[in-house]
Amino acid sequence: MHAMDPTLQGLFAEPLRDLGRDDARLRGIFTPESQWGAAKKGVSAQFLENAAEYHKRYDSVEWFRILIGRMIGPAPGARFILDIGSGSGNSVIPLLDLYPAAFVVATDISPQMLVILRDFLETKPRYRGRYGLVCMDAGNDPFNPGAFQMAVGAAVLHHIVDPRRVLAACASALAPGGVALFLEPFELGHGVLRIAYRRILAEAKHRKVRAAGFEMLQRMLVDHEARLRDKSDPIFDVLDDKWYFTRTFFENATAGAEWDECRVEAINGNLTPMVDQARVELRLGMGLDESALPPWAWEMIREQEASFSRDARTDLIFEGAVLLRRSSRAAPRPPGERRAGWWWNPAESGRGFFLDFGPGGARAACCAYDERGEPAWSLADAGALDLSGPAAVVRLALASSSVRLEPQHAGLPAGEGTGWWIEDDGAPATSIVVEALGNRAMAALLGRDGWALLIGERQGQGFEGDWLRFTGGQTLSGPYRAPRTPVPLGHGRLTWAGADCLVAVLPDGRRQLYRRLGDDETAPQNLRSTENCAS
């Protein structure tokens, strides 16, 4: 084992453990205590058992050195830098070179990739004492609030099912005024190139000709279609590349009080971006050069490319740099704070838990599914919730086991509408749990027939969206299973009339008034499902 660098531990809000305690090959690679032994969901063998092969194929240190230097430039105030999804060091090495006064924390979900990085860094005396290696899920937030002045994620977000969690954790980790840089693939440029690929494959079929590169074009069409699917699809448990992004995605994900600036720039050229990208895909995908496609195929790509001016080719973003600046007005999340909202176990995301914390103790609504796959929910009170661990961890006792929970939206500001709301009636038919998150809200309608979910976007003084019924997901204590594609039940709206009155439009179109559930009250027993949350 390696001795813990006190600088590294000082950046984290919970203890770090050396993975070398269980496997000597992983010496010097640490993990937050709350993530010790956690399942690595959504990451394939490409980054784990086959990490060495991935490292050989994707060596982009010099390219990232240029991009980081161009997009961020000098940063004399950056004492601590967080690198997200470090892999074998494509962005870590440039950060250590460009900012020689900074301490860089390299994080990745794959310990095998970090081993490759460790072995390289240990051969360079100039880096000694200036880095820490941490194996962790990028969507978690184990850091001390505001600990870093800079964060970089080079080609990491498109591998993650819910990149909004990563952006939220990044916001929490950054000090006010800090900058974050993400380098990611974008949908528009790739989508236009895919049109050319379809034309080429149709022409090849018409001509009855074959070429080595045609298989690669077909692969890229399948890949593009897969990335556009709803991210609840179980296919993303095995797919490495999950997203093509849009400018709108980042603008919406960073709206609100957490970020002051969101700037998106193309990092591909504007002369022949489609031809350049096709060459890259042939090389990376199958190790082929330009000769793998016939001349007429390249002419079709150039013809489509010529339909756009140079300015428009710049707008056809293939690879984009996203520069974010943490709000100078944002106050870091106080350490040790637990707040009401949605909690989950990311390794078993087929169920959700709304936790409420008040002077009267903690309580939870457990939204899961019965054995038939129908949505079912139940209640847990303070006796079933263990709050003795780190602030980012709660353990919920079940009938025969326990589940480790963490905040689903760590780092995002909780709005005033967050809480547990109940019909002000002697025999209420429903209650609603709401987490307000800047320009979004995530709410569940709890009733005798199960639960429905609303993910609302801000409209005026409230939030609007469709009530959705999910089926087929995980039982409260059974093995993981992903829910099926949800069915819309009807349009919903949540607005507030004062601090203690919620007005909700329900799936059937009715308008219903709710009051905030008091700290000294118990959630209505007549709404309980048949499955008990408590042990």
Protein backbone atom coordinates (compact mmCIF):
# COMPACT_ATOMS: atom_id res chain seq x y z
CA MET A 1 0.00 0.00 0.00
CA HIS A 2 0.98 3.63 -0.54
CA ALA A 3 0.93 6.13 2.28
CA MET A 4 -2.02 8.47 1.95
CA ASP A 5 -1.03 11.96 0.79
CA PRO A 6 -2.71 14.29 3.32
CA THR A 7 -3.31 16.79 0.51
CA LEU A 8 -5.47 14.23 -1.29
CA GLN A 9 -7.46 13.26 1.81
CA GLY A 10 -8.05 16.93 2.62
CA LEU A 11 -10.02 17.38 -0.60
CA PHE A 12 -12.56 14.67 0.33
CA ALA A 13 -15.42 14.81 2.80
CA GLU A 14 -15.12 11.11 3.64
CA PRO A 15 -12.22 8.72 4.29
CA LEU A 16 -10.30 7.26 1.35
CA ARG A 17 -9.18 3.63 1.34
CA ASP A 18 -6.29 2.16 -0.61
CA LEU A 19 -7.51 -0.52 -3.02
CA GLY A 20 -4.14 -2.16 -2.51
CA ARG A 21 -5.44 -3.48 0.82
CA ASP A 22 -7.37 -6.13 -1.11
CA ASP A 23 -5.32 -6.34 -4.31
CA ALA A 24 -1.62 -5.48 -4.31
CA ARG A 25 -1.78 -4.64 -8.02
CA LEU A 26 -3.95 -1.62 -7.14
CA ARG A 27 -1.58 -0.09 -4.57
CA GLY A 28 -1.72 3.69 -4.45
CA ILE A 29 -5.20 3.89 -5.97
CA PHE A 30 -7.77 5.06 -3.46
CA THR A 31 -11.55 4.99 -3.30
CA PRO A 32 -14.07 6.85 -1.11
CA GLU A 33 -15.18 4.63 1.75
CA SER A 34 -18.82 4.88 0.68
CA GLN A 35 -17.91 3.39 -2.72
CA TRP A 36 -15.77 0.52 -1.44
CA GLY A 37 -16.96 -2.62 -3.23
CA ALA A 38 -19.67 -0.79 -5.22
CA ALA A 39 -20.75 -2.44 -8.49
CA LYS A 40 -19.45 -0.82 -11.69
CA LYS A 41 -22.71 -0.50 -13.58
CA GLY A 42 -22.83 0.73 -17.18
CA VAL A 43 -19.09 0.23 -17.82
CA SER A 44 -17.90 -2.60 -20.02
CA ALA A 45 -14.80 -4.77 -20.27
CA GLN A 46 -13.30 -2.20 -22.68
CA PHE A 47 -12.40 -0.04 -19.67
CA LEU A 48 -11.83 -2.85 -17.17
CA GLU A 49 -10.27 -6.14 -18.27
CA ASN A 50 -9.28 -4.70 -21.68
CA ALA A 51 -7.96 -1.37 -20.36
CA ALA A 52 -4.47 -1.88 -21.82
CA GLU A 53 -5.84 -2.31 -25.34
CA TYR A 54 -8.05 0.78 -24.99
CA HIS A 55 -5.02 2.76 -23.80
CA LYS A 56 -3.07 1.82 -26.95
CA ARG A 57 -5.90 2.83 -29.30
CA TYR A 58 -6.85 6.13 -27.70
CA ASP A 59 -3.63 8.02 -26.96
CA SER A 60 -4.54 11.72 -27.31
CA VAL A 61 -2.26 13.46 -24.80
CA GLU A 62 -0.92 16.08 -27.21
CA TRP A 63 -4.35 16.85 -28.67
CA PHE A 64 -5.82 17.41 -25.21
CA ARG A 65 -2.80 19.52 -24.25
CA ILE A 66 -3.61 21.88 -27.12
CA LEU A 67 -7.34 22.00 -26.31
CA ILE A 68 -6.94 22.62 -22.58
CA GLY A 69 -4.36 25.32 -23.19
CA ARG A 70 -6.59 27.00 -25.78
CA MET A 71 -9.88 26.80 -23.90
CA ILE A 72 -8.71 27.56 -20.34
CA GLY A 73 -5.30 29.15 -20.76
CA PRO A 74 -3.22 30.35 -17.78
CA ALA A 75 -4.88 29.80 -14.40
CA PRO A 76 -2.48 30.96 -11.67
CA GLY A 77 -5.19 30.60 -9.02
CA ALA A 78 -5.79 26.89 -9.72
CA ARG A 79 -4.25 25.13 -6.71
CA PHE A 80 -6.40 22.01 -6.96
CA ILE A 81 -7.67 20.48 -10.22
CA LEU A 82 -10.23 17.68 -10.54
CA ASP A 83 -9.89 15.45 -13.60
CA ILE A 84 -13.06 13.46 -14.28
CA GLY A 85 -12.91 10.17 -16.15
CA SER A 86 -9.12 10.26 -16.31
CA GLY A 87 -8.61 6.87 -17.92
CA SER A 88 -4.89 6.30 -18.52
CA GLY A 89 -4.07 10.02 -18.40
CA ASN A 90 -4.90 11.73 -21.71
CA SER A 91 -5.89 14.89 -19.87
CA VAL A 92 -4.08 14.36 -16.55
CA ILE A 93 -0.60 14.60 -18.07
CA PRO A 94 -1.36 17.91 -19.87
CA LEU A 95 -2.84 19.33 -16.66
CA LEU A 96 0.28 18.44 -14.67
CA ASP A 97 2.45 20.06 -17.36
CA LEU A 98 0.34 23.16 -18.01
CA TYR A 99 -0.27 23.96 -14.32
CA PRO A 100 2.95 23.01 -12.49
CA ALA A 101 1.83 24.65 -9.22
CA ALA A 102 -1.40 22.60 -9.02
CA PHE A 103 -2.28 19.30 -7.35
CA VAL A 104 -4.33 17.14 -9.74
CA VAL A 105 -6.87 14.54 -8.56
CA ALA A 106 -7.34 11.92 -11.30
CA THR A 107 -10.62 10.01 -10.99
CA ASP A 108 -11.99 7.09 -12.98
CA ILE A 109 -14.40 4.21 -12.42
CA SER A 110 -11.82 1.76 -13.81
CA PRO A 111 -8.95 0.84 -11.44
CA GLN A 112 -7.25 -0.89 -14.37
CA MET A 113 -7.00 2.38 -16.30
CA LEU A 114 -5.66 4.16 -13.22
CA VAL A 115 -2.99 1.46 -12.83
CA ILE A 116 -1.68 2.35 -16.30
CA LEU A 117 -1.63 6.03 -15.34
CA ARG A 118 0.04 5.28 -11.99
CA ASP A 119 2.81 3.25 -13.60
CA PHE A 120 3.56 6.08 -16.03
CA LEU A 121 3.48 8.88 -13.45
CA GLU A 122 5.80 6.99 -11.11
CA THR A 123 8.53 7.14 -13.78
CA LYS A 124 8.39 10.97 -13.88
CA PRO A 125 10.05 12.57 -10.82
CA ARG A 126 8.68 16.00 -11.78
CA TYR A 127 5.13 14.82 -11.00
CA ARG A 128 5.95 13.38 -7.57
CA GLY A 129 3.69 14.71 -4.81
CA ARG A 130 1.45 16.54 -7.28
CA TYR A 131 -1.31 14.02 -7.97
CA GLY A 132 -3.74 11.57 -6.39
CA LEU A 133 -5.50 8.61 -8.05
CA VAL A 134 -9.09 7.87 -6.99
CA CYS A 135 -11.35 5.12 -8.31
CA MET A 136 -14.95 6.37 -8.14
CA ASP A 137 -18.20 6.90 -9.98
CA ALA A 138 -18.12 10.36 -11.57
CA GLY A 139 -21.75 10.99 -10.61
CA ASN A 140 -20.98 10.80 -6.89
CA ASP A 141 -19.90 13.80 -4.82
CA PRO A 142 -17.53 12.70 -2.04
CA PHE A 143 -15.51 15.95 -2.19
CA ASN A 144 -15.34 18.78 0.27
CA PRO A 145 -17.61 21.50 -1.16
CA GLY A 146 -15.74 24.09 -3.23
CA ALA A 147 -12.44 22.21 -2.92
CA PHE A 148 -11.29 22.69 -6.54
CA GLN A 149 -10.66 25.72 -8.75
CA MET A 150 -10.74 23.76 -12.03
CA ALA A 151 -12.34 20.57 -13.37
CA VAL A 152 -11.70 18.81 -16.68
CA GLY A 153 -13.58 15.92 -18.27
CA ALA A 154 -12.04 14.83 -21.57
CA ALA A 155 -14.43 12.57 -23.50
CA VAL A 156 -16.16 11.19 -20.40
CA LEU A 157 -19.79 12.42 -20.29
CA HIS A 158 -20.90 10.47 -23.38
CA HIS A 159 -20.01 7.23 -21.54
CA ILE A 160 -22.37 8.01 -18.62
CA VAL A 161 -26.11 7.23 -18.49
CA ASP A 162 -26.96 10.43 -16.58
CA PRO A 163 -24.31 13.09 -17.26
CA ARG A 164 -26.41 15.67 -15.39
CA ARG A 165 -25.32 13.97 -12.16
CA VAL A 166 -21.69 14.51 -13.14
CA LEU A 167 -22.33 18.20 -13.86
CA ALA A 168 -24.07 18.55 -10.50
CA ALA A 169 -21.23 16.85 -8.63
CA CYS A 170 -18.76 19.03 -10.52
CA ALA A 171 -20.63 22.19 -9.51
CA SER A 172 -20.53 21.15 -5.86
CA ALA A 173 -16.80 20.36 -6.02
CA LEU A 174 -15.85 23.70 -7.65
CA ALA A 175 -15.23 26.88 -5.73
CA PRO A 176 -17.26 29.96 -6.78
CA GLY A 177 -15.77 31.32 -10.00
CA GLY A 178 -14.08 28.00 -10.81
CA VAL A 179 -14.08 26.67 -14.38
CA ALA A 180 -14.99 23.28 -15.85
CA LEU A 181 -14.09 22.04 -19.33
CA PHE A 182 -15.74 19.05 -21.03
CA LEU A 183 -14.76 17.73 -24.48
CA GLU A 184 -17.57 15.68 -26.02
CA PRO A 185 -19.14 14.41 -29.29
CA PHE A 186 -22.12 16.37 -30.62
CA GLU A 187 -25.19 15.14 -32.48
CA LEU A 188 -25.55 17.65 -35.31
CA GLY A 189 -22.31 17.02 -37.18
CA HIS A 190 -22.49 13.25 -36.75
CA GLY A 191 -26.15 13.25 -37.83
CA VAL A 192 -25.37 15.05 -41.12
CA LEU A 193 -22.46 12.69 -41.80
CA ARG A 194 -24.75 9.69 -41.21
CA ILE A 195 -27.00 10.95 -44.02
CA ALA A 196 -24.00 10.71 -46.34
CA TYR A 197 -23.25 7.21 -45.05
CA ARG A 198 -26.79 6.07 -45.85
CA ARG A 199 -26.48 7.47 -49.38
CA ILE A 200 -23.18 5.64 -49.88
CA LEU A 201 -24.54 2.31 -48.65
CA ALA A 202 -27.63 2.66 -50.87
CA GLU A 203 -25.43 3.44 -53.88
CA ALA A 204 -23.17 0.46 -53.10
CA LYS A 205 -26.21 -1.81 -53.01
CA HIS A 206 -27.39 -0.37 -56.33
CA ARG A 207 -23.94 -0.88 -57.91
CA LYS A 208 -23.59 -4.31 -56.29
CA VAL A 209 -20.06 -3.50 -55.10
CA ARG A 210 -18.21 -4.26 -51.90
CA ALA A 211 -15.52 -2.38 -50.00
CA ALA A 212 -13.85 -2.93 -46.63
CA GLY A 213 -15.11 0.41 -45.29
CA PHE A 214 -18.82 -0.26 -45.94
CA GLU A 215 -19.02 -2.43 -42.80
CA MET A 216 -17.68 0.49 -40.77
CA LEU A 217 -20.30 2.88 -42.18
CA GLN A 218 -23.06 0.43 -41.23
CA ARG A 219 -21.62 0.12 -37.71
CA MET A 220 -21.66 3.90 -37.31
CA LEU A 221 -25.32 4.07 -38.41
CA VAL A 222 -26.24 1.48 -35.76
CA ASP A 223 -24.17 3.34 -33.15
CA HIS A 224 -25.85 6.64 -33.97
CA GLU A 225 -29.35 5.18 -33.69
CA ALA A 226 -28.50 3.53 -30.36
CA ARG A 227 -27.21 6.77 -28.82
CA LEU A 228 -30.50 8.54 -29.57
CA ARG A 229 -32.56 6.05 -27.53
CA ASP A 230 -34.09 6.88 -24.18
CA LYS A 231 -31.35 6.33 -21.62
CA SER A 232 -33.58 4.08 -19.47
CA ASP A 233 -33.16 1.40 -22.17
CA PRO A 234 -31.27 -1.61 -20.66
CA ILE A 235 -29.00 -1.58 -23.73
CA PHE A 236 -26.96 1.17 -22.07
CA ASP A 237 -25.84 -1.29 -19.40
CA VAL A 238 -23.56 -2.81 -22.07
CA LEU A 239 -22.96 0.10 -24.48
CA ASP A 240 -19.87 2.22 -23.78
CA ASP A 241 -20.85 5.17 -25.98
CA LYS A 242 -24.24 6.42 -24.81
CA TRP A 243 -24.66 10.05 -25.95
CA TYR A 244 -24.31 12.55 -28.75
CA PHE A 245 -24.86 15.95 -27.15
CA THR A 246 -26.53 19.16 -28.26
CA ARG A 247 -25.90 22.76 -27.30
CA THR A 248 -29.41 22.81 -25.80
CA PHE A 249 -28.60 19.86 -23.51
CA PHE A 250 -25.77 21.74 -21.83
CA GLU A 251 -27.63 25.04 -21.68
CA ASN A 252 -30.59 23.36 -19.95
CA ALA A 253 -28.43 21.22 -17.66
CA THR A 254 -26.49 24.24 -16.42
CA ALA A 255 -29.36 26.73 -16.16
CA GLY A 256 -30.04 28.16 -12.74
CA ALA A 257 -27.96 29.51 -9.90
CA GLU A 258 -25.05 27.02 -10.03
CA TRP A 259 -23.35 28.27 -13.22
CA ASP A 260 -22.66 31.77 -14.56
CA GLU A 261 -21.48 30.75 -18.04
CA CYS A 262 -21.98 27.94 -20.53
CA ARG A 263 -19.98 28.26 -23.76
CA VAL A 264 -19.93 25.62 -26.51
CA GLU A 265 -17.34 25.71 -29.31
CA ALA A 266 -16.56 23.32 -32.16
CA ILE A 267 -13.08 21.83 -31.94
CA ASN A 268 -13.25 20.21 -35.37
CA GLY A 269 -12.03 22.13 -38.43
CA ASN A 270 -14.30 24.07 -40.79
CA LEU A 271 -12.67 23.19 -44.12
CA THR A 272 -13.39 19.46 -44.51
CA PRO A 273 -14.95 18.35 -41.19
CA MET A 274 -17.05 15.55 -42.69
CA VAL A 275 -14.14 14.03 -44.61
CA ASP A 276 -11.89 14.39 -41.56
CA GLN A 277 -14.42 12.67 -39.28
CA ALA A 278 -14.99 9.80 -41.73
CA ARG A 279 -11.22 9.18 -41.85
CA VAL A 280 -11.03 9.14 -38.04
CA GLU A 281 -13.92 6.69 -37.75
CA LEU A 282 -12.37 4.30 -40.28
CA ARG A 283 -9.04 4.41 -38.45
CA LEU A 284 -10.36 4.05 -34.90
CA GLY A 285 -13.15 1.62 -35.73
CA MET A 286 -11.37 -0.89 -37.94
CA GLY A 287 -7.81 0.31 -38.42
CA LEU A 288 -8.54 1.27 -42.05
CA ASP A 289 -7.27 4.13 -44.18
CA GLU A 290 -8.95 6.20 -46.89
CA SER A 291 -8.57 3.42 -49.46
CA ALA A 292 -11.20 1.37 -47.58
CA LEU A 293 -13.88 3.41 -49.41
CA PRO A 294 -14.03 3.86 -53.20
CA PRO A 295 -13.38 7.33 -54.69
CA TRP A 296 -17.05 7.83 -55.55
CA ALA A 297 -17.96 7.40 -51.84
CA TRP A 298 -15.53 10.16 -50.82
CA GLU A 299 -16.96 12.34 -53.57
CA MET A 300 -20.47 11.90 -52.09
CA ILE A 301 -19.19 13.01 -48.68
CA ARG A 302 -17.43 16.03 -50.21
CA GLU A 303 -20.54 16.91 -52.22
CA GLN A 304 -22.67 16.97 -49.07
CA GLU A 305 -19.97 18.93 -47.22
CA ALA A 306 -19.89 21.53 -50.02
CA SER A 307 -23.55 22.29 -49.35
CA PHE A 308 -22.46 24.27 -46.26
CA SER A 309 -20.47 27.49 -45.96
CA ARG A 310 -17.41 27.54 -43.73
CA ASP A 311 -19.43 29.26 -41.00
CA ALA A 312 -22.12 26.57 -41.24
CA ARG A 313 -19.45 23.85 -41.11
CA THR A 314 -18.33 25.38 -37.82
CA ASP A 315 -21.91 25.04 -36.56
CA LEU A 316 -21.88 21.36 -37.62
CA ILE A 317 -20.17 20.40 -34.38
CA PHE A 318 -18.65 16.92 -34.40
CA GLU A 319 -16.49 17.35 -31.32
CA GLY A 320 -17.26 20.23 -29.00
CA ALA A 321 -15.60 21.98 -26.08
CA VAL A 322 -18.00 22.98 -23.29
CA LEU A 323 -16.63 25.62 -20.93
CA LEU A 324 -18.60 26.23 -17.73
CA ARG A 325 -17.96 28.81 -15.03
CA ARG A 326 -19.19 28.22 -11.50
CA SER A 327 -21.36 31.04 -10.24
CA SER A 328 -19.43 33.55 -8.17
CA ARG A 329 -22.59 33.95 -6.10
CA ALA A 330 -23.06 30.24 -5.38
CA ALA A 331 -22.38 29.21 -1.81
CA PRO A 332 -20.77 25.79 -1.49
CA ARG A 333 -22.97 23.08 -0.01
CA PRO A 334 -22.28 22.96 3.73
CA PRO A 335 -20.39 19.82 4.72
CA GLY A 336 -22.50 17.29 6.57
CA GLU A 337 -25.78 18.66 5.20
CA ARG A 338 -28.57 16.21 4.39
CA ARG A 339 -31.52 17.56 2.50
CA ALA A 340 -34.89 16.36 1.34
CA GLY A 341 -35.02 14.93 -2.15
CA TRP A 342 -34.51 11.84 -4.26
CA TRP A 343 -31.95 9.28 -3.13
CA TRP A 344 -30.95 6.05 -4.84
CA ASN A 345 -28.38 3.31 -5.26
CA PRO A 346 -26.83 4.03 -8.71
CA ALA A 347 -25.91 0.35 -9.14
CA GLU A 348 -29.61 -0.56 -8.75
CA SER A 349 -31.35 2.39 -10.36
CA GLY A 350 -34.66 0.62 -11.00
CA ARG A 351 -36.19 2.16 -7.87
CA GLY A 352 -36.15 5.53 -6.12
CA PHE A 353 -36.46 6.82 -2.55
CA PHE A 354 -37.69 10.26 -1.52
CA LEU A 355 -36.10 11.15 1.82
CA ASP A 356 -37.39 13.90 4.08
CA PHE A 357 -35.35 15.20 7.03
CA GLY A 358 -36.88 17.28 9.78
CA PRO A 359 -36.73 17.93 13.52
CA GLY A 360 -39.12 15.02 14.01
CA GLY A 361 -36.74 12.59 12.31
CA ALA A 362 -36.21 11.16 8.84
CA ARG A 363 -38.81 9.37 6.71
CA ALA A 364 -38.88 7.98 3.20
CA ALA A 365 -41.25 7.09 0.39
CA CYS A 366 -39.92 3.98 -1.37
CA CYS A 367 -40.95 3.90 -5.05
CA ALA A 368 -40.36 0.45 -6.52
CA TYR A 369 -42.40 -2.31 -8.22
CA ASP A 370 -44.31 -5.41 -7.14
CA GLU A 371 -43.53 -8.91 -8.40
CA ARG A 372 -45.76 -8.34 -11.46
CA GLY A 373 -43.78 -5.23 -12.34
CA GLU A 374 -46.54 -2.78 -11.37
CA PRO A 375 -45.49 0.44 -9.57
CA ALA A 376 -45.78 0.04 -5.80
CA TRP A 377 -44.64 2.27 -2.99
CA SER A 378 -44.30 2.07 0.76
CA LEU A 379 -43.17 4.12 3.74
CA ALA A 380 -40.11 4.05 5.96
CA ASP A 381 -39.74 6.01 9.17
CA ALA A 382 -36.72 7.00 11.24
CA GLY A 383 -36.36 3.50 12.67
CA ALA A 384 -35.53 2.07 9.25
CA LEU A 385 -33.01 4.76 8.28
CA ASP A 386 -29.40 4.70 9.46
CA LEU A 387 -27.87 8.20 9.36
CA SER A 388 -24.67 7.38 11.24
CA GLY A 389 -22.38 7.35 8.16
CA PRO A 390 -21.10 10.18 5.91
CA ALA A 391 -23.60 12.87 4.95
CA ALA A 392 -23.74 11.56 1.38
CA VAL A 393 -24.82 8.08 2.53
CA VAL A 394 -27.99 6.77 4.17
CA ARG A 395 -28.73 3.10 4.80
CA LEU A 396 -32.29 1.87 4.61
CA ALA A 397 -33.19 -1.33 6.49
CA LEU A 398 -35.43 -3.72 4.57
CA ALA A 399 -37.13 -6.88 5.78
CA SER A 400 -34.09 -9.10 5.12
CA SER A 401 -31.31 -6.76 3.99
CA SER A 402 -30.33 -3.11 3.73
CA VAL A 403 -29.70 -0.76 0.80
CA ARG A 404 -27.09 1.98 0.59
CA LEU A 405 -28.52 5.28 -0.70
CA GLU A 406 -26.92 8.49 -1.94
CA PRO A 407 -28.41 11.76 -3.26
CA GLN A 408 -29.57 11.44 -6.85
CA HIS A 409 -29.07 15.15 -7.58
CA ALA A 410 -26.06 15.99 -5.42
CA GLY A 411 -24.85 19.54 -5.88
CA LEU A 412 -28.01 20.95 -7.48
CA PRO A 413 -29.83 23.63 -5.48
CA ALA A 414 -33.03 22.49 -3.79
CA GLY A 415 -35.90 24.87 -4.47
CA GLU A 416 -38.47 26.02 -1.95
CA GLY A 417 -41.08 23.63 -3.32
CA THR A 418 -39.05 20.60 -2.25
CA GLY A 419 -40.89 18.47 0.30
CA TRP A 420 -43.69 16.03 1.05
CA TRP A 421 -47.17 17.35 0.23
CA ILE A 422 -50.50 15.83 1.28
CA GLU A 423 -54.15 16.49 0.44
CA ASP A 424 -55.66 18.58 3.21
CA ASP A 425 -58.45 16.12 3.81
CA GLY A 426 -59.51 13.71 6.53
CA ALA A 427 -59.04 10.73 4.20
CA PRO A 428 -56.50 11.84 1.57
CA ALA A 429 -56.39 9.88 -1.68
CA THR A 430 -52.91 10.98 -2.73
CA SER A 431 -49.74 12.71 -1.60
CA ILE A 432 -46.91 14.18 -3.70
CA VAL A 433 -43.17 14.25 -3.02
CA VAL A 434 -41.26 16.95 -4.90
CA GLU A 435 -37.62 17.87 -5.39
CA ALA A 436 -37.32 21.27 -7.10
CA LEU A 437 -33.99 21.63 -8.94
CA GLY A 438 -33.52 25.06 -10.48
CA ASN A 439 -35.32 24.86 -13.83
CA ARG A 440 -36.50 21.28 -13.29
CA ALA A 441 -38.54 19.39 -10.75
CA MET A 442 -38.89 15.65 -10.13
CA ALA A 443 -42.10 14.63 -8.39
CA ALA A 444 -43.97 11.42 -7.60
CA LEU A 445 -47.72 11.15 -7.11
CA LEU A 446 -48.37 8.51 -4.44
CA GLY A 447 -51.78 6.90 -4.36
CA ARG A 448 -53.68 3.66 -3.79
CA ASP A 449 -52.92 2.53 -7.34
CA GLY A 450 -49.16 2.93 -7.04
CA TRP A 451 -47.14 5.95 -8.13
CA ALA A 452 -46.57 8.12 -11.19
CA LEU A 453 -43.55 10.29 -11.94
CA LEU A 454 -43.41 13.85 -13.30
CA ILE A 455 -40.17 15.40 -14.55
CA GLY A 456 -41.24 19.00 -15.02
CA GLU A 457 -39.56 21.93 -16.74
CA ARG A 458 -39.97 25.41 -15.30
CA GLN A 459 -42.83 27.36 -16.84
CA GLY A 460 -43.41 30.74 -15.19
CA GLN A 461 -43.85 30.19 -11.45
CA GLY A 462 -44.27 26.43 -11.66
CA PHE A 463 -43.21 23.25 -13.46
CA GLU A 464 -44.94 21.40 -16.29
CA GLY A 465 -44.51 17.94 -17.79
CA ASP A 466 -46.28 14.63 -18.35
CA TRP A 467 -47.18 12.26 -15.54
CA LEU A 468 -45.49 8.96 -16.44
CA ARG A 469 -46.32 5.42 -15.33
CA PHE A 470 -43.28 3.13 -15.20
CA THR A 471 -43.60 -0.66 -15.04
CA GLY A 472 -41.34 -3.69 -14.92
CA GLY A 473 -38.65 -2.25 -12.62
CA GLN A 474 -36.98 -3.51 -9.48
CA THR A 475 -38.88 -4.77 -6.46
CA LEU A 476 -38.04 -3.16 -3.17
CA SER A 477 -35.61 -5.88 -2.07
CA GLY A 478 -35.20 -8.05 -5.17
CA PRO A 479 -32.46 -8.19 -7.82
CA TYR A 480 -31.90 -5.27 -10.17
CA ARG A 481 -34.11 -4.91 -13.23
CA ALA A 482 -34.55 -1.79 -15.34
CA PRO A 483 -38.06 -0.39 -15.85
CA ARG A 484 -39.73 -0.46 -19.23
CA THR A 485 -40.36 2.64 -21.36
CA PRO A 486 -42.93 4.73 -19.44
CA VAL A 487 -46.50 5.40 -20.56
CA PRO A 488 -47.78 9.02 -20.38
CA LEU A 489 -50.88 9.36 -18.18
CA GLY A 490 -51.67 13.02 -18.76
CA HIS A 491 -50.18 16.49 -18.54
CA GLY A 492 -49.27 17.78 -15.10
CA ARG A 493 -48.45 21.11 -13.53
CA LEU A 494 -47.12 22.08 -10.11
CA THR A 495 -47.44 25.61 -8.75
CA TRP A 496 -47.25 27.05 -5.24
CA ALA A 497 -49.60 29.47 -3.53
CA GLY A 498 -47.44 30.53 -0.62
CA ALA A 499 -44.89 28.43 1.27
CA ASP A 500 -47.36 25.78 2.45
CA CYS A 501 -49.80 25.32 -0.44
CA LEU A 502 -49.10 23.27 -3.55
CA VAL A 503 -51.55 23.32 -6.47
CA ALA A 504 -51.21 20.26 -8.71
CA VAL A 505 -52.88 19.29 -11.98
CA LEU A 506 -53.25 15.50 -11.73
CA PRO A 507 -53.14 12.92 -14.57
CA ASP A 508 -56.92 13.00 -14.97
CA GLY A 509 -56.89 16.80 -15.37
CA ARG A 510 -58.24 17.58 -11.88
CA ARG A 511 -56.76 20.50 -9.96
CA GLN A 512 -55.94 19.50 -6.37
CA LEU A 513 -54.65 21.46 -3.36
CA TYR A 514 -51.95 20.03 -1.09
CA ARG A 515 -50.38 21.21 2.16
CA ARG A 516 -46.85 20.52 3.36
CA LEU A 517 -46.62 17.48 5.62
CA GLY A 518 -45.60 18.72 9.08
CA ASP A 519 -42.47 17.61 10.88
CA ASP A 520 -44.56 16.11 13.66
CA GLU A 521 -46.98 14.28 11.34
CA THR A 522 -46.95 10.75 9.99
CA ALA A 523 -47.54 10.13 6.30
CA PRO A 524 -51.04 8.72 5.76
CA GLN A 525 -51.27 5.04 6.63
CA ASN A 526 -54.23 4.42 4.34
CA LEU A 527 -51.99 4.97 1.30
CA ARG A 528 -49.43 2.33 2.22
CA SER A 529 -48.70 -0.38 -0.33
CA THR A 530 -48.69 -4.01 0.74
CA GLU A 531 -44.88 -4.18 0.81
CA ASN A 532 -43.35 -2.79 3.98
CA CYS A 533 -40.15 -0.75 3.75
CA ALA A 534 -39.11 -1.14 7.36
CA SER A 535 -37.34 -4.16 8.76
